[in-house]
Amino acid sequence: DWSSDVCSSDLVTLGSTTGNVTARGTFNSTNANISTLGVGNYYSNRNSVVVTTNTVIDQFSVSAYRSAKYTMRVNSDDGFQAVEVLLVHNGVSCYVTIYGSISSTGSDIISLTADINSGNVRLMASTTSPNTNVKILGTYVPD
């Protein structure tokens, strides 16, 4: 019985093959086949990235994903910005667009670019605002 070796019964409740699994705390799964997923809170637990000039704020293998969608929270000494970004690549070049942005300063705090370097797609941010950092929530789509 794998459950006695891997987890305690107060953290995981196992159903039948057509039943439910209830997890309290952190739930990690590999190759889970989920037909319906409900999420109460959807957030990123990534660390904030300090941004200066051409700072890599995210990267992934060219062969792993074709496109990505990002939601970002930016803050600096000048204010706050929320940004939604789409990125796609063709294996040679990257294309990035900001399709939603709002800032407490009335102008963008960061600018974004992307490239491919050593087999990785890199999303980069630049700023002139002091003490700028970015927190990212990313969704990645393979071919």
N, C-alpha and C. Protein backbone atom coordinates (compact mmCIF):
# COMPACT_ATOMS: atom_id res chain seq x y z
N ASP A 1 0.84 -1.18 0.00
CA ASP A 1 0.00 0.00 0.00
C ASP A 1 0.88 1.24 0.00
N TRP A 2 0.90 1.97 -1.12
CA TRP A 2 1.79 3.12 -1.26
C TRP A 2 1.44 4.26 -0.32
N SER A 3 0.17 4.38 0.04
CA SER A 3 -0.25 5.52 0.86
C SER A 3 0.39 5.51 2.24
N SER A 4 0.67 4.33 2.80
CA SER A 4 1.29 4.29 4.12
C SER A 4 2.75 4.69 4.07
N ASP A 5 3.39 4.53 2.90
CA ASP A 5 4.80 4.90 2.77
C ASP A 5 4.98 6.36 2.38
N VAL A 6 4.06 6.92 1.61
CA VAL A 6 4.25 8.23 1.02
C VAL A 6 3.57 9.34 1.81
N CYS A 7 2.41 9.08 2.36
CA CYS A 7 1.67 10.15 3.00
C CYS A 7 0.90 9.63 4.20
N SER A 8 0.56 10.52 5.07
CA SER A 8 -0.24 10.12 6.22
C SER A 8 -1.71 10.24 5.88
N SER A 9 -2.54 9.47 6.53
CA SER A 9 -3.96 9.42 6.20
C SER A 9 -4.69 10.72 6.52
N ASP A 10 -4.12 11.57 7.39
CA ASP A 10 -4.81 12.83 7.68
C ASP A 10 -4.58 13.88 6.60
N LEU A 11 -3.66 13.63 5.64
CA LEU A 11 -3.40 14.57 4.57
C LEU A 11 -4.04 14.18 3.25
N VAL A 12 -4.21 12.88 2.99
CA VAL A 12 -4.74 12.43 1.71
C VAL A 12 -5.85 11.43 1.95
N THR A 13 -6.97 11.64 1.26
CA THR A 13 -8.07 10.70 1.28
C THR A 13 -8.20 10.11 -0.11
N LEU A 14 -8.12 8.81 -0.23
CA LEU A 14 -8.18 8.16 -1.54
C LEU A 14 -9.58 7.62 -1.79
N GLY A 15 -10.09 7.86 -2.99
CA GLY A 15 -11.37 7.30 -3.40
C GLY A 15 -11.12 6.08 -4.26
N SER A 16 -12.16 5.57 -4.88
CA SER A 16 -12.00 4.47 -5.81
C SER A 16 -11.39 5.04 -7.10
N THR A 17 -11.22 4.22 -8.11
CA THR A 17 -10.65 4.71 -9.36
C THR A 17 -11.56 5.72 -10.04
N THR A 18 -12.81 5.79 -9.64
CA THR A 18 -13.72 6.80 -10.19
C THR A 18 -14.11 7.82 -9.12
N GLY A 19 -13.49 7.74 -7.95
CA GLY A 19 -13.85 8.62 -6.85
C GLY A 19 -12.98 9.86 -6.79
N ASN A 20 -12.85 10.40 -5.61
CA ASN A 20 -12.14 11.65 -5.39
C ASN A 20 -10.87 11.44 -4.60
N VAL A 21 -9.94 12.36 -4.78
CA VAL A 21 -8.77 12.45 -3.93
C VAL A 21 -8.82 13.82 -3.27
N THR A 22 -8.74 13.86 -1.97
CA THR A 22 -8.74 15.11 -1.24
C THR A 22 -7.38 15.28 -0.60
N ALA A 23 -6.73 16.40 -0.85
CA ALA A 23 -5.42 16.66 -0.27
C ALA A 23 -5.45 17.98 0.49
N ARG A 24 -4.90 17.98 1.67
CA ARG A 24 -4.74 19.20 2.45
C ARG A 24 -3.25 19.45 2.55
N GLY A 25 -2.84 20.66 2.25
CA GLY A 25 -1.42 20.95 2.20
C GLY A 25 -0.98 20.95 0.75
N THR A 26 0.26 20.63 0.49
CA THR A 26 0.81 20.62 -0.85
C THR A 26 0.52 19.29 -1.52
N PHE A 27 0.04 19.34 -2.75
CA PHE A 27 -0.25 18.13 -3.52
C PHE A 27 0.61 18.15 -4.77
N ASN A 28 1.48 17.16 -4.92
CA ASN A 28 2.31 17.03 -6.11
C ASN A 28 1.93 15.76 -6.84
N SER A 29 1.80 15.85 -8.15
CA SER A 29 1.44 14.70 -8.94
C SER A 29 2.17 14.72 -10.27
N THR A 30 2.56 13.56 -10.75
CA THR A 30 3.18 13.43 -12.06
C THR A 30 2.25 12.62 -12.94
N ASN A 31 2.00 13.12 -14.14
CA ASN A 31 1.14 12.45 -15.12
C ASN A 31 -0.27 12.21 -14.60
N ALA A 32 -0.83 13.18 -13.92
CA ALA A 32 -2.20 13.08 -13.45
C ALA A 32 -3.15 13.31 -14.62
N ASN A 33 -4.16 12.50 -14.72
CA ASN A 33 -5.18 12.66 -15.74
C ASN A 33 -6.40 13.25 -15.06
N ILE A 34 -6.60 14.56 -15.25
CA ILE A 34 -7.65 15.28 -14.55
C ILE A 34 -8.66 15.78 -15.58
N SER A 35 -9.91 15.39 -15.42
CA SER A 35 -10.92 15.84 -16.38
C SER A 35 -11.56 17.14 -15.95
N THR A 36 -11.70 17.39 -14.65
CA THR A 36 -12.25 18.63 -14.14
C THR A 36 -11.37 19.08 -12.99
N LEU A 37 -10.98 20.34 -13.02
CA LEU A 37 -10.12 20.87 -11.97
C LEU A 37 -10.72 22.16 -11.43
N GLY A 38 -10.96 22.19 -10.16
CA GLY A 38 -11.45 23.39 -9.52
C GLY A 38 -10.36 23.93 -8.61
N VAL A 39 -10.12 25.22 -8.70
CA VAL A 39 -9.06 25.83 -7.91
C VAL A 39 -9.66 27.01 -7.15
N GLY A 40 -9.50 26.98 -5.83
CA GLY A 40 -10.02 28.07 -5.02
C GLY A 40 -9.18 29.33 -5.14
N ASN A 41 -7.89 29.20 -5.12
CA ASN A 41 -6.96 30.31 -5.25
C ASN A 41 -5.87 29.89 -6.23
N TYR A 42 -5.61 30.72 -7.21
CA TYR A 42 -4.63 30.42 -8.25
C TYR A 42 -3.55 31.48 -8.16
N TYR A 43 -2.34 31.10 -7.77
CA TYR A 43 -1.29 32.08 -7.57
C TYR A 43 0.08 31.47 -7.85
N SER A 44 1.05 32.32 -7.95
CA SER A 44 2.43 31.89 -8.20
C SER A 44 3.20 31.92 -6.90
N ASN A 45 3.97 30.86 -6.67
CA ASN A 45 4.84 30.88 -5.50
C ASN A 45 6.30 31.12 -5.91
N ARG A 46 6.50 31.62 -7.12
CA ARG A 46 7.85 31.97 -7.56
C ARG A 46 8.36 33.15 -6.77
N ASN A 47 9.65 33.20 -6.63
CA ASN A 47 10.27 34.35 -5.98
C ASN A 47 10.18 35.56 -6.90
N SER A 48 10.14 36.75 -6.31
CA SER A 48 10.21 37.98 -7.09
C SER A 48 11.58 38.08 -7.74
N VAL A 49 11.61 38.69 -8.93
CA VAL A 49 12.86 38.90 -9.66
C VAL A 49 13.17 40.38 -9.64
N VAL A 50 14.37 40.73 -9.20
CA VAL A 50 14.81 42.12 -9.21
C VAL A 50 15.18 42.48 -10.64
N VAL A 51 14.63 43.60 -11.13
CA VAL A 51 14.80 44.00 -12.53
C VAL A 51 15.66 45.25 -12.63
N THR A 52 16.63 45.19 -13.56
CA THR A 52 17.42 46.38 -13.92
C THR A 52 17.33 46.54 -15.43
N THR A 53 18.38 46.16 -16.18
CA THR A 53 18.37 46.25 -17.64
C THR A 53 18.54 44.86 -18.23
N ASN A 54 17.65 44.48 -19.16
CA ASN A 54 17.68 43.17 -19.81
C ASN A 54 17.81 42.02 -18.81
N THR A 55 17.00 42.07 -17.77
CA THR A 55 16.99 41.03 -16.75
C THR A 55 16.10 39.88 -17.21
N VAL A 56 16.64 38.66 -17.22
CA VAL A 56 15.84 37.48 -17.58
C VAL A 56 14.88 37.21 -16.42
N ILE A 57 13.59 37.34 -16.71
CA ILE A 57 12.59 37.11 -15.66
C ILE A 57 11.92 35.75 -15.80
N ASP A 58 12.07 35.10 -16.96
CA ASP A 58 11.60 33.73 -17.15
C ASP A 58 12.31 33.14 -18.35
N GLN A 59 12.48 31.81 -18.34
CA GLN A 59 13.02 31.13 -19.51
C GLN A 59 12.55 29.68 -19.52
N PHE A 60 12.47 29.14 -20.72
CA PHE A 60 12.09 27.74 -20.91
C PHE A 60 12.72 27.23 -22.18
N SER A 61 12.85 25.92 -22.27
CA SER A 61 13.46 25.28 -23.43
C SER A 61 12.60 25.50 -24.68
N VAL A 62 13.26 25.81 -25.79
CA VAL A 62 12.57 25.99 -27.07
C VAL A 62 11.75 24.74 -27.41
N SER A 63 12.28 23.58 -27.08
CA SER A 63 11.60 22.33 -27.44
C SER A 63 10.47 21.96 -26.47
N ALA A 64 10.40 22.63 -25.33
CA ALA A 64 9.38 22.27 -24.34
C ALA A 64 8.03 22.93 -24.63
N TYR A 65 8.06 24.21 -25.01
CA TYR A 65 6.81 24.96 -25.18
C TYR A 65 6.90 25.86 -26.40
N ARG A 66 5.75 26.10 -27.03
CA ARG A 66 5.67 26.98 -28.20
C ARG A 66 5.22 28.38 -27.80
N SER A 67 4.38 28.48 -26.79
CA SER A 67 3.88 29.79 -26.40
C SER A 67 3.71 29.84 -24.89
N ALA A 68 3.59 31.07 -24.39
CA ALA A 68 3.37 31.28 -22.96
C ALA A 68 2.49 32.50 -22.76
N LYS A 69 1.75 32.48 -21.67
CA LYS A 69 0.95 33.62 -21.26
C LYS A 69 1.38 33.96 -19.83
N TYR A 70 1.63 35.22 -19.60
CA TYR A 70 2.10 35.66 -18.29
C TYR A 70 1.16 36.70 -17.70
N THR A 71 0.96 36.62 -16.40
CA THR A 71 0.37 37.69 -15.63
C THR A 71 1.45 38.12 -14.65
N MET A 72 1.70 39.41 -14.59
CA MET A 72 2.80 39.92 -13.77
C MET A 72 2.33 41.01 -12.82
N ARG A 73 2.99 41.05 -11.68
CA ARG A 73 2.86 42.14 -10.73
C ARG A 73 4.22 42.80 -10.66
N VAL A 74 4.25 44.10 -10.92
CA VAL A 74 5.50 44.86 -10.90
C VAL A 74 5.37 45.89 -9.79
N ASN A 75 6.42 46.03 -9.00
CA ASN A 75 6.43 47.16 -8.09
C ASN A 75 7.83 47.76 -8.03
N SER A 76 7.85 49.05 -7.76
CA SER A 76 9.10 49.80 -7.68
C SER A 76 8.90 50.96 -6.73
N ASP A 77 9.94 51.73 -6.54
CA ASP A 77 9.80 52.94 -5.72
C ASP A 77 8.82 53.93 -6.34
N ASP A 78 8.62 53.81 -7.66
CA ASP A 78 7.73 54.74 -8.37
C ASP A 78 6.26 54.34 -8.30
N GLY A 79 5.96 53.04 -8.09
CA GLY A 79 4.57 52.61 -8.05
C GLY A 79 4.40 51.15 -8.39
N PHE A 80 3.20 50.82 -8.89
CA PHE A 80 2.82 49.44 -9.18
C PHE A 80 2.29 49.32 -10.60
N GLN A 81 2.46 48.11 -11.17
CA GLN A 81 1.95 47.83 -12.51
C GLN A 81 1.46 46.39 -12.55
N ALA A 82 0.35 46.15 -13.22
CA ALA A 82 -0.13 44.80 -13.51
C ALA A 82 -0.08 44.65 -15.03
N VAL A 83 0.45 43.49 -15.49
CA VAL A 83 0.69 43.29 -16.92
C VAL A 83 0.25 41.89 -17.34
N GLU A 84 -0.39 41.80 -18.51
CA GLU A 84 -0.66 40.51 -19.15
C GLU A 84 0.10 40.47 -20.46
N VAL A 85 0.78 39.34 -20.70
CA VAL A 85 1.72 39.23 -21.83
C VAL A 85 1.51 37.90 -22.55
N LEU A 86 1.58 37.94 -23.88
CA LEU A 86 1.62 36.72 -24.69
C LEU A 86 2.98 36.64 -25.37
N LEU A 87 3.51 35.43 -25.46
CA LEU A 87 4.80 35.17 -26.11
C LEU A 87 4.65 33.93 -26.98
N VAL A 88 5.21 33.98 -28.18
CA VAL A 88 5.27 32.81 -29.06
C VAL A 88 6.62 32.84 -29.77
N HIS A 89 7.12 31.65 -30.14
CA HIS A 89 8.38 31.58 -30.88
C HIS A 89 8.25 30.57 -32.01
N ASN A 90 9.12 30.72 -33.01
CA ASN A 90 9.14 29.79 -34.14
C ASN A 90 10.42 28.97 -34.19
N GLY A 91 11.15 28.95 -33.08
CA GLY A 91 12.40 28.23 -33.00
C GLY A 91 13.61 29.08 -33.34
N VAL A 92 13.37 30.23 -33.97
CA VAL A 92 14.44 31.14 -34.36
C VAL A 92 14.23 32.51 -33.71
N SER A 93 13.00 33.00 -33.76
CA SER A 93 12.67 34.32 -33.23
C SER A 93 11.53 34.22 -32.24
N CYS A 94 11.45 35.21 -31.36
CA CYS A 94 10.36 35.31 -30.38
C CYS A 94 9.53 36.54 -30.67
N TYR A 95 8.25 36.43 -30.36
CA TYR A 95 7.33 37.54 -30.55
C TYR A 95 6.57 37.72 -29.24
N VAL A 96 6.54 38.96 -28.76
CA VAL A 96 5.93 39.24 -27.47
C VAL A 96 5.00 40.43 -27.60
N THR A 97 3.86 40.35 -26.94
CA THR A 97 2.97 41.50 -26.92
C THR A 97 2.40 41.67 -25.52
N ILE A 98 2.31 42.90 -25.10
CA ILE A 98 1.60 43.23 -23.87
C ILE A 98 0.19 43.59 -24.30
N TYR A 99 -0.78 42.80 -23.85
CA TYR A 99 -2.15 43.08 -24.28
C TYR A 99 -3.00 43.62 -23.15
N GLY A 100 -2.42 43.77 -22.01
CA GLY A 100 -3.12 44.40 -20.90
C GLY A 100 -2.10 44.95 -19.93
N SER A 101 -2.22 46.22 -19.60
CA SER A 101 -1.29 46.84 -18.65
C SER A 101 -1.97 48.01 -17.97
N ILE A 102 -1.78 48.07 -16.67
CA ILE A 102 -2.27 49.21 -15.91
C ILE A 102 -1.23 49.54 -14.86
N SER A 103 -1.02 50.83 -14.66
CA SER A 103 0.03 51.27 -13.75
C SER A 103 -0.47 52.41 -12.86
N SER A 104 -0.02 52.39 -11.63
CA SER A 104 -0.38 53.47 -10.71
C SER A 104 0.37 54.76 -11.03
N THR A 105 1.37 54.67 -11.90
CA THR A 105 2.17 55.86 -12.26
C THR A 105 1.65 56.55 -13.51
N GLY A 106 0.75 55.90 -14.26
CA GLY A 106 0.28 56.46 -15.52
C GLY A 106 1.13 56.07 -16.71
N SER A 107 2.26 55.39 -16.46
CA SER A 107 3.10 54.89 -17.55
C SER A 107 3.72 53.57 -17.11
N ASP A 108 4.23 52.82 -18.10
CA ASP A 108 4.81 51.51 -17.80
C ASP A 108 6.06 51.64 -16.93
N ILE A 109 6.20 50.74 -15.98
CA ILE A 109 7.39 50.69 -15.14
C ILE A 109 8.44 49.80 -15.78
N ILE A 110 8.00 48.73 -16.47
CA ILE A 110 8.94 47.84 -17.16
C ILE A 110 8.62 47.81 -18.65
N SER A 111 9.63 47.45 -19.43
CA SER A 111 9.46 47.11 -20.85
C SER A 111 9.92 45.68 -21.01
N LEU A 112 9.35 44.96 -21.96
CA LEU A 112 9.63 43.54 -22.14
C LEU A 112 10.14 43.24 -23.53
N THR A 113 11.07 42.30 -23.62
CA THR A 113 11.56 41.75 -24.88
C THR A 113 11.77 40.25 -24.68
N ALA A 114 11.99 39.54 -25.77
CA ALA A 114 12.26 38.11 -25.69
C ALA A 114 13.25 37.73 -26.76
N ASP A 115 14.03 36.67 -26.49
CA ASP A 115 14.95 36.13 -27.48
C ASP A 115 15.15 34.64 -27.23
N ILE A 116 15.91 34.02 -28.12
CA ILE A 116 16.31 32.63 -27.95
C ILE A 116 17.81 32.62 -27.79
N ASN A 117 18.27 32.00 -26.68
CA ASN A 117 19.69 31.95 -26.38
C ASN A 117 20.02 30.56 -25.84
N SER A 118 20.96 29.88 -26.50
CA SER A 118 21.41 28.55 -26.08
C SER A 118 20.25 27.56 -25.91
N GLY A 119 19.29 27.61 -26.84
CA GLY A 119 18.17 26.67 -26.81
C GLY A 119 17.06 27.03 -25.86
N ASN A 120 17.13 28.21 -25.25
CA ASN A 120 16.10 28.65 -24.31
C ASN A 120 15.43 29.93 -24.78
N VAL A 121 14.11 29.97 -24.64
CA VAL A 121 13.36 31.20 -24.84
C VAL A 121 13.51 32.00 -23.55
N ARG A 122 13.91 33.27 -23.69
CA ARG A 122 14.10 34.11 -22.52
C ARG A 122 13.18 35.33 -22.60
N LEU A 123 12.43 35.56 -21.54
CA LEU A 123 11.63 36.76 -21.42
C LEU A 123 12.43 37.72 -20.54
N MET A 124 12.67 38.94 -21.06
CA MET A 124 13.51 39.90 -20.35
C MET A 124 12.76 41.19 -20.08
N ALA A 125 13.08 41.79 -18.96
CA ALA A 125 12.48 43.06 -18.56
C ALA A 125 13.58 44.09 -18.33
N SER A 126 13.24 45.33 -18.61
CA SER A 126 14.14 46.46 -18.32
C SER A 126 13.33 47.56 -17.65
N THR A 127 14.02 48.36 -16.85
CA THR A 127 13.37 49.47 -16.17
C THR A 127 14.39 50.56 -15.85
N THR A 128 13.88 51.73 -15.63
CA THR A 128 14.71 52.82 -15.10
C THR A 128 14.22 53.21 -13.70
N SER A 129 13.17 52.56 -13.22
CA SER A 129 12.64 52.84 -11.89
C SER A 129 13.48 52.14 -10.83
N PRO A 130 13.81 52.83 -9.75
CA PRO A 130 14.62 52.19 -8.70
C PRO A 130 13.84 51.12 -7.94
N ASN A 131 14.58 50.09 -7.51
CA ASN A 131 14.04 49.00 -6.68
C ASN A 131 12.82 48.34 -7.31
N THR A 132 12.97 47.95 -8.57
CA THR A 132 11.88 47.29 -9.29
C THR A 132 11.99 45.78 -9.15
N ASN A 133 10.86 45.13 -8.88
CA ASN A 133 10.83 43.67 -8.91
C ASN A 133 9.52 43.21 -9.53
N VAL A 134 9.57 41.98 -10.06
CA VAL A 134 8.45 41.40 -10.80
C VAL A 134 8.12 40.04 -10.21
N LYS A 135 6.86 39.76 -10.07
CA LYS A 135 6.36 38.44 -9.68
C LYS A 135 5.53 37.93 -10.85
N ILE A 136 5.76 36.66 -11.25
CA ILE A 136 5.18 36.13 -12.49
C ILE A 136 4.31 34.91 -12.20
N LEU A 137 3.19 34.84 -12.92
CA LEU A 137 2.37 33.64 -13.02
C LEU A 137 2.37 33.28 -14.50
N GLY A 138 2.88 32.09 -14.85
CA GLY A 138 3.01 31.71 -16.25
C GLY A 138 2.19 30.48 -16.59
N THR A 139 1.63 30.48 -17.80
CA THR A 139 0.93 29.32 -18.36
C THR A 139 1.65 28.99 -19.67
N TYR A 140 2.09 27.75 -19.84
CA TYR A 140 2.90 27.35 -20.97
C TYR A 140 2.16 26.32 -21.82
N VAL A 141 2.28 26.48 -23.15
CA VAL A 141 1.57 25.61 -24.08
C VAL A 141 2.57 24.94 -25.03
N PRO A 142 2.65 23.61 -25.02
CA PRO A 142 3.55 22.91 -25.95
C PRO A 142 2.95 22.83 -27.34
N ASP A 143 3.71 22.29 -28.29
CA ASP A 143 3.17 22.05 -29.63
C ASP A 143 2.11 20.98 -29.56
